[in-house]
Amino acid sequence: MQKSCVVTGKKTSTGNNVSHSNVKTKRRLYVNLTKRRLVNPATGRVVSVNISARGMRTLKKWQTEGKKYDLVKMAA
């Protein structure tokens, strides 16, 4: 399963855990991804995609503005 958002392109990044004594250890910063079944407005079919919470808000905004997009092309 792909660990990145279809709309925003956000993916897992790395950083450091920093203790009180300033010792640094590696950690992963995960994206808030969910697997959703959404209707693709270009074709009218249901498509299963991994999308972040921010990506959901972006799609909602695009729908209210009437912007055309294709989820299948975004995923590819």
C-alpha atoms as a PDB file:
ATOM      1  CA  MET A   1       0.000   0.000   0.000  1.00  0.00           C
ATOM      2  CA  GLN A   2       1.285   3.401  -0.978  1.00  0.00           C
ATOM      3  CA  LYS A   3       1.953   5.718   1.977  1.00  0.00           C
ATOM      4  CA  SER A   4       1.276   9.047   0.317  1.00  0.00           C
ATOM      5  CA  CYS A   5      -1.741  11.256  -0.327  1.00  0.00           C
ATOM      6  CA  VAL A   6      -3.225  11.256  -3.830  1.00  0.00           C
ATOM      7  CA  VAL A   7      -4.130  14.950  -3.779  1.00  0.00           C
ATOM      8  CA  THR A   8      -1.394  16.685  -1.774  1.00  0.00           C
ATOM      9  CA  GLY A   9       1.475  14.231  -2.254  1.00  0.00           C
ATOM     10  CA  LYS A  10       2.246  14.228   1.459  1.00  0.00           C
ATOM     11  CA  LYS A  11       4.250  11.220   2.614  1.00  0.00           C
ATOM     12  CA  THR A  12       6.120   9.879   5.636  1.00  0.00           C
ATOM     13  CA  SER A  13       9.097  12.009   6.691  1.00  0.00           C
ATOM     14  CA  THR A  14      11.803  11.573   9.301  1.00  0.00           C
ATOM     15  CA  GLY A  15      12.899  13.624  12.270  1.00  0.00           C
ATOM     16  CA  ASN A  16      14.350  13.303  15.738  1.00  0.00           C
ATOM     17  CA  ASN A  17      13.039  12.525  19.196  1.00  0.00           C
ATOM     18  CA  VAL A  18      14.896  14.903  21.503  1.00  0.00           C
ATOM     19  CA  SER A  19      15.187  13.930  25.169  1.00  0.00           C
ATOM     20  CA  HIS A  20      15.633  16.258  28.121  1.00  0.00           C
ATOM     21  CA  SER A  21      19.390  15.563  28.004  1.00  0.00           C
ATOM     22  CA  ASN A  22      19.343  16.559  24.282  1.00  0.00           C
ATOM     23  CA  VAL A  23      20.025  13.003  23.038  1.00  0.00           C
ATOM     24  CA  LYS A  24      18.566  12.609  19.569  1.00  0.00           C
ATOM     25  CA  THR A  25      17.091   9.378  18.165  1.00  0.00           C
ATOM     26  CA  LYS A  26      15.471   8.911  14.755  1.00  0.00           C
ATOM     27  CA  ARG A  27      11.694   8.752  14.394  1.00  0.00           C
ATOM     28  CA  ARG A  28       9.111   8.739  11.628  1.00  0.00           C
ATOM     29  CA  LEU A  29       6.457  11.397  11.151  1.00  0.00           C
ATOM     30  CA  TYR A  30       3.409   9.761   9.569  1.00  0.00           C
ATOM     31  CA  VAL A  31       0.740  11.440   7.460  1.00  0.00           C
ATOM     32  CA  ASN A  32      -2.899  11.377   8.555  1.00  0.00           C
ATOM     33  CA  LEU A  33      -3.968   9.002   5.750  1.00  0.00           C
ATOM     34  CA  THR A  34      -7.256   7.185   5.337  1.00  0.00           C
ATOM     35  CA  LYS A  35      -8.383   4.814   2.613  1.00  0.00           C
ATOM     36  CA  ARG A  36     -11.560   6.244   1.077  1.00  0.00           C
ATOM     37  CA  ARG A  37     -13.924   5.236  -1.673  1.00  0.00           C
ATOM     38  CA  LEU A  38     -14.730   8.442  -3.549  1.00  0.00           C
ATOM     39  CA  VAL A  39     -16.738   9.161  -6.676  1.00  0.00           C
ATOM     40  CA  ASN A  40     -14.444  10.259  -9.492  1.00  0.00           C
ATOM     41  CA  PRO A  41     -16.168  13.322 -11.033  1.00  0.00           C
ATOM     42  CA  ALA A  42     -14.464  12.780 -14.399  1.00  0.00           C
ATOM     43  CA  THR A  43     -15.962   9.311 -14.935  1.00  0.00           C
ATOM     44  CA  GLY A  44     -18.709   9.004 -12.308  1.00  0.00           C
ATOM     45  CA  ARG A  45     -17.234   5.753 -10.976  1.00  0.00           C
ATOM     46  CA  VAL A  46     -16.214   4.923  -7.411  1.00  0.00           C
ATOM     47  CA  VAL A  47     -12.436   4.868  -6.868  1.00  0.00           C
ATOM     48  CA  SER A  48     -10.559   3.665  -3.772  1.00  0.00           C
ATOM     49  CA  VAL A  49      -7.728   6.074  -2.853  1.00  0.00           C
ATOM     50  CA  ASN A  50      -5.399   6.894   0.045  1.00  0.00           C
ATOM     51  CA  ILE A  51      -6.052  10.494   0.988  1.00  0.00           C
ATOM     52  CA  SER A  52      -4.995  12.751   3.848  1.00  0.00           C
ATOM     53  CA  ALA A  53      -7.344  14.858   5.947  1.00  0.00           C
ATOM     54  CA  ARG A  54      -5.963  17.975   4.235  1.00  0.00           C
ATOM     55  CA  GLY A  55      -6.598  16.344   0.838  1.00  0.00           C
ATOM     56  CA  MET A  56     -10.251  15.765   1.751  1.00  0.00           C
ATOM     57  CA  ARG A  57     -10.627  19.463   2.563  1.00  0.00           C
ATOM     58  CA  THR A  58      -8.996  20.375  -0.748  1.00  0.00           C
ATOM     59  CA  LEU A  59     -11.389  18.147  -2.724  1.00  0.00           C
ATOM     60  CA  LYS A  60     -14.350  19.661  -0.886  1.00  0.00           C
ATOM     61  CA  LYS A  61     -13.123  23.147  -1.826  1.00  0.00           C
ATOM     62  CA  TRP A  62     -12.623  22.132  -5.464  1.00  0.00           C
ATOM     63  CA  GLN A  63     -16.196  20.785  -5.619  1.00  0.00           C
ATOM     64  CA  THR A  64     -17.677  24.033  -4.320  1.00  0.00           C
ATOM     65  CA  GLU A  65     -15.601  26.023  -6.823  1.00  0.00           C
ATOM     66  CA  GLY A  66     -16.615  23.695  -9.658  1.00  0.00           C
ATOM     67  CA  LYS A  67     -13.020  22.772 -10.508  1.00  0.00           C
ATOM     68  CA  LYS A  68     -12.560  19.696 -12.723  1.00  0.00           C
ATOM     69  CA  TYR A  69     -10.199  16.936 -11.554  1.00  0.00           C
ATOM     70  CA  ASP A  70      -9.579  13.226 -12.153  1.00  0.00           C
ATOM     71  CA  LEU A  71      -8.686  11.020  -9.162  1.00  0.00           C
ATOM     72  CA  VAL A  72      -7.325   8.236 -11.385  1.00  0.00           C
ATOM     73  CA  LYS A  73      -4.806  10.571 -13.060  1.00  0.00           C
ATOM     74  CA  MET A  74      -3.794  11.968  -9.655  1.00  0.00           C
ATOM     75  CA  ALA A  75      -3.130   8.464  -8.320  1.00  0.00           C
ATOM     76  CA  ALA A  76      -0.933   7.557 -11.317  1.00  0.00           C
END
